[in-house]
Protein backbone atom coordinates (compact mmCIF):
# COMPACT_ATOMS: atom_id res chain seq x y z
CA MET A 1 -19.89 -32.98 19.50
CA GLY A 2 -21.29 -34.30 16.72
CA HIS A 3 -24.27 -36.68 16.35
CA ARG A 4 -22.21 -39.85 14.26
CA TYR A 5 -19.60 -39.45 17.32
CA GLN A 6 -22.12 -40.32 20.11
CA HIS A 7 -24.02 -42.87 18.07
CA ILE A 8 -20.49 -44.82 17.32
CA ALA A 9 -19.00 -44.17 21.24
CA PHE A 10 -22.24 -45.04 23.56
CA GLY A 11 -23.39 -47.95 24.57
CA ALA A 12 -26.17 -48.49 25.96
CA GLU A 13 -24.81 -49.72 29.21
CA ALA A 14 -22.38 -46.02 28.55
CA VAL A 15 -26.14 -44.46 28.26
CA GLU A 16 -27.65 -45.74 31.02
CA ARG A 17 -24.99 -44.43 33.01
CA GLN A 18 -25.40 -40.93 32.00
CA ARG A 19 -28.64 -41.10 33.09
CA GLU A 20 -27.84 -42.40 36.43
CA ALA A 21 -25.34 -39.46 36.54
CA GLY A 22 -27.47 -36.53 35.18
CA SER A 23 -24.57 -36.05 32.33
CA ILE A 24 -27.26 -37.66 29.47
CA VAL A 25 -28.39 -33.88 29.12
CA ALA A 26 -25.27 -32.90 28.57
CA TYR A 27 -24.26 -35.59 26.33
CA GLY A 28 -27.15 -37.41 24.43
CA ALA A 29 -28.93 -34.86 22.98
CA GLY A 30 -27.60 -36.37 19.92
CA LEU A 31 -29.07 -39.68 20.37
CA GLU A 32 -32.79 -39.05 20.14
CA THR A 33 -32.35 -38.26 16.32
CA PRO A 34 -31.03 -40.60 14.10
CA ASP A 35 -27.19 -40.95 12.95
CA GLN A 36 -26.93 -38.30 10.14
CA GLY A 37 -23.32 -39.52 8.48
CA PRO A 38 -19.59 -38.93 8.69
CA GLN A 39 -18.85 -35.59 10.00
CA GLU A 40 -17.87 -32.43 8.04
CA LEU A 41 -14.01 -31.91 8.91
CA THR A 42 -13.85 -28.11 9.46
CA THR A 43 -10.51 -25.75 9.60
CA ARG A 44 -10.34 -26.32 13.40
CA GLU A 45 -9.64 -30.32 12.70
CA VAL A 46 -8.15 -29.99 10.18
CA ALA A 47 -5.22 -27.12 11.84
CA LEU A 48 -4.71 -29.59 14.23
CA ILE A 49 -4.25 -32.77 12.65
CA THR A 50 -1.58 -31.04 10.00
CA SER A 51 0.17 -30.45 12.19
CA VAL A 52 1.08 -32.76 14.92
CA PHE A 53 4.28 -34.31 14.97
CA GLN A 54 3.18 -37.79 16.53
CA PHE A 55 -0.53 -39.46 17.32
CA HIS A 56 -1.83 -42.66 18.51
CA ILE A 57 -3.90 -44.86 16.05
CA ALA A 58 -5.56 -48.42 17.52
CA THR A 59 -7.03 -50.99 15.24
CA VAL A 60 -8.82 -54.15 15.93
CA ALA A 61 -7.22 -57.46 16.04
CA PRO A 62 -9.19 -60.37 14.27
CA SER A 63 -9.30 -61.82 18.06
CA GLY A 64 -11.53 -58.63 18.90
CA TRP A 65 -8.69 -56.87 21.16
CA PRO A 66 -7.60 -53.35 20.39
CA TYR A 67 -4.09 -52.32 19.27
CA VAL A 68 -2.53 -49.07 19.84
CA GLN A 69 0.58 -48.11 18.33
CA CYS A 70 1.98 -44.32 18.35
CA ARG A 71 3.09 -42.86 14.69
CA SER A 72 5.42 -39.76 14.54
CA GLY A 73 7.12 -38.06 12.17
CA PRO A 74 7.98 -34.20 11.04
CA ARG A 75 5.27 -31.50 11.50
CA GLY A 76 3.09 -31.75 9.10
CA PHE A 77 3.27 -35.82 8.50
CA LEU A 78 -0.82 -36.39 8.85
CA HIS A 79 -1.92 -34.90 6.00
CA HIS A 80 -5.59 -33.58 4.39
CA LEU A 81 -6.03 -34.93 0.99
CA GLY A 82 -9.14 -33.30 0.85
CA GLY A 83 -12.79 -33.35 2.13
CA ASN A 84 -13.10 -36.01 5.11
CA ARG A 85 -9.63 -37.96 3.53
CA ILE A 86 -6.29 -37.66 6.02
CA GLY A 87 -3.51 -39.98 5.09
CA PHE A 88 0.30 -40.62 6.70
CA ALA A 89 2.87 -42.62 4.85
CA ASP A 90 3.86 -45.83 6.70
CA PHE A 91 7.27 -46.49 7.30
CA ARG A 92 9.42 -48.83 7.68
CA GLY A 93 8.98 -50.77 10.77
CA ASN A 94 10.01 -53.35 13.19
CA ARG A 95 8.56 -55.51 10.29
CA GLN A 96 5.35 -57.33 12.71
CA PHE A 97 2.82 -55.36 10.61
CA VAL A 98 0.07 -55.69 13.13
CA SER A 99 -1.27 -52.59 12.63
CA VAL A 100 -1.28 -53.07 8.87
CA GLY A 101 -2.75 -56.61 9.13
CA ASN A 102 -5.05 -55.84 11.61
CA LEU A 103 -6.12 -52.69 8.63
CA GLU A 104 -6.65 -55.36 6.08
CA ALA A 105 -8.77 -57.50 8.05
CA ASP A 106 -10.97 -54.11 9.84
CA GLY A 107 -10.18 -51.14 8.47
CA ARG A 108 -11.53 -49.30 11.21
CA VAL A 109 -9.46 -47.86 13.50
CA ALA A 110 -9.47 -44.33 16.45
CA LEU A 111 -7.26 -41.72 16.40
CA PHE A 112 -6.03 -39.90 19.54
CA VAL A 113 -4.29 -36.81 18.10
CA ALA A 114 -3.01 -34.00 20.62
CA ASP A 115 -0.84 -31.28 20.61
CA TYR A 116 0.10 -31.09 24.69
CA ALA A 117 1.97 -27.88 24.62
CA ARG A 118 -1.67 -26.30 24.14
CA ARG A 119 -3.25 -28.55 25.99
CA LEU A 120 -5.89 -30.00 22.35
CA ARG A 121 -7.05 -33.26 21.91
CA LEU A 122 -9.08 -34.67 19.45
CA LYS A 123 -10.48 -38.28 19.13
CA VAL A 124 -11.16 -39.75 15.24
CA PHE A 125 -12.81 -42.66 14.46
CA GLY A 126 -12.56 -43.69 10.45
CA HIS A 127 -11.95 -46.24 7.91
CA ALA A 128 -8.84 -46.49 7.01
CA HIS A 129 -7.14 -48.70 3.85
CA VAL A 130 -3.75 -49.68 3.54
CA ILE A 131 -2.35 -48.48 -0.52
CA ASP A 132 0.57 -50.36 -2.11
CA GLY A 133 1.79 -49.49 -5.41
CA ASP A 134 0.68 -45.73 -5.95
CA ASP A 135 3.98 -44.22 -5.78
CA GLU A 136 2.45 -40.79 -6.67
CA LEU A 137 0.03 -40.92 -3.62
CA LEU A 138 3.36 -41.98 -1.87
CA ALA A 139 5.20 -38.90 -2.87
CA ARG A 140 2.25 -36.26 -2.00
CA LEU A 141 2.41 -38.30 1.56
CA ARG A 142 6.15 -37.55 1.72
CA THR A 143 6.13 -34.55 1.03
CA ILE A 144 5.93 -31.32 3.45
CA ASP A 145 6.45 -28.17 2.77
CA GLY A 146 7.94 -29.02 -0.07
CA GLN A 147 10.08 -31.31 1.57
CA THR A 148 10.89 -34.46 1.17
CA MET A 149 11.08 -37.49 4.16
CA THR A 150 14.02 -38.47 4.28
CA ALA A 151 12.25 -41.90 6.51
CA ARG A 152 11.97 -44.93 4.14
CA CYS A 153 8.45 -45.08 3.54
CA GLU A 154 6.98 -48.08 2.31
CA ARG A 155 3.60 -47.73 2.00
CA SER A 156 0.57 -45.30 2.14
CA ILE A 157 -2.51 -44.92 4.91
CA VAL A 158 -5.25 -43.34 4.15
CA ILE A 159 -8.64 -42.85 6.87
CA ASP A 160 -12.35 -41.44 5.95
CA VAL A 161 -12.92 -39.98 9.08
CA GLU A 162 -16.32 -40.99 10.40
CA ALA A 163 -17.02 -39.11 13.55
CA PHE A 164 -14.79 -37.02 15.52
CA ASP A 165 -14.97 -34.81 19.18
CA TRP A 166 -13.02 -32.62 21.04
CA ASN A 167 -12.21 -33.20 24.56
CA CYS A 168 -11.68 -31.07 27.27
CA GLN A 169 -8.55 -29.52 28.82
CA ARG A 170 -8.98 -31.05 32.19
CA SER A 171 -6.67 -33.78 32.75
CA LEU A 172 -4.29 -33.25 30.12
CA VAL A 173 -1.08 -32.23 31.51
CA PRO A 174 1.09 -29.90 29.00
CA GLN A 175 3.80 -30.81 27.34
CA LEU A 176 6.96 -29.18 25.32
CA THR A 177 9.22 -30.88 22.81
CA VAL A 178 12.97 -29.71 23.06
CA ASP A 179 12.91 -27.31 20.54
CA GLU A 180 9.98 -25.75 22.40
CA VAL A 181 11.35 -25.25 25.01
CA ARG A 182 14.36 -23.44 23.35
CA GLU A 183 12.30 -21.56 21.33
CA ARG A 184 10.50 -20.23 24.76
CA VAL A 185 13.80 -19.35 27.20
CA ARG A 186 15.71 -18.21 24.29
CA PRO A 187 14.49 -14.40 25.10
CA TYR A 188 15.76 -15.11 28.68
CA ALA A 189 19.24 -17.21 27.77
CA GLU A 190 19.95 -13.50 24.90
CA GLU A 191 19.24 -11.23 28.42
CA ILE A 192 21.54 -12.87 30.75
CA ILE A 193 24.27 -13.32 27.93
CA SER A 194 23.90 -9.61 27.48
CA LEU A 195 23.74 -8.83 31.11
CA ARG A 196 26.72 -11.03 31.60
CA ASP A 197 28.49 -8.81 28.50
CA ARG A 198 27.40 -5.73 30.66
CA VAL A 199 28.81 -7.13 33.95
CA ALA A 200 31.73 -7.92 32.31
CA GLU A 201 32.19 -4.86 31.37
CA LEU A 202 31.65 -3.17 34.01
CA GLU A 203 33.42 -4.59 36.34
CA ARG A 204 36.59 -4.13 33.91
CA ARG A 205 35.77 -0.33 34.18
CA LEU A 206 35.95 -0.72 37.94
CA ARG A 207 39.54 -2.22 37.45
CA GLU A 208 40.51 1.41 35.54
CA MET A 209 39.30 2.64 37.80
CA GLU A 210 41.32 1.35 41.31
CA SER A 211 44.55 0.64 39.42
CA PRO A 212 47.08 3.34 40.60
CA SER A 213 47.76 6.37 37.92
CA ASP A 214 51.40 6.77 36.65
C-alpha cells in the first residue's frame, strides 16, 4: 500500500477505529510520513488495467453524492498512455451524461478494477479529464491490438492516477465469462467426443462379432 493512498482514503474516524482495533499497525505506517505525491504505476498495475473488459468508476456529483457506473468493452479497452496516465474511449450511452457532467465539475474519480477469474482487485484514485474533439487520441483509444472497436465512441476520458491499492483475495468470488468457461471445459468436451467415438466403434465391432456368419 502506497503512502498517498493512505493519506487520501483514511480519514480521522477511520484512523481512530484502526487504533481501537489494532489494525493501525498494518495500515497506518504511511501516515507517519508526509504525503509523497502520486504513486507510480508499475508493470503489475498496468498488466491488470490493460487486461480487463470492465471496471467500475465512481464520480462526485455536484450534490456531494458519489455516482458509480460500470464501464465495459473488449479486453484492452482501458489503455495505459504512459507514466501514470490511463484512458478509454467513451461509448455513446443513454444521453444522461451524469458521469461526464460530474467529471467536468470535479475530476476526482475512484476506480475498482478486478479480474474475478484470478481473484485480483485494484482500487485507484485519480483525476479525470473529458477530452472532446481530439480525433487522434480517440482513434488511439478505440484501437486494440491493431483492431478498431466498432462501437460508437464520442469522446476520450483520460485519468491521471494519484494512488492505488491492491486488495486481498478474501471475499472476491471467482467469476468466469462464457468464453473463459468454454476454454476451460474444451479439453473435457473433446475427450467426451473422443470417448463417444470409441464407444460407437466398439459397439460396431461387437455387433459384427454377434452377427451370424454365412
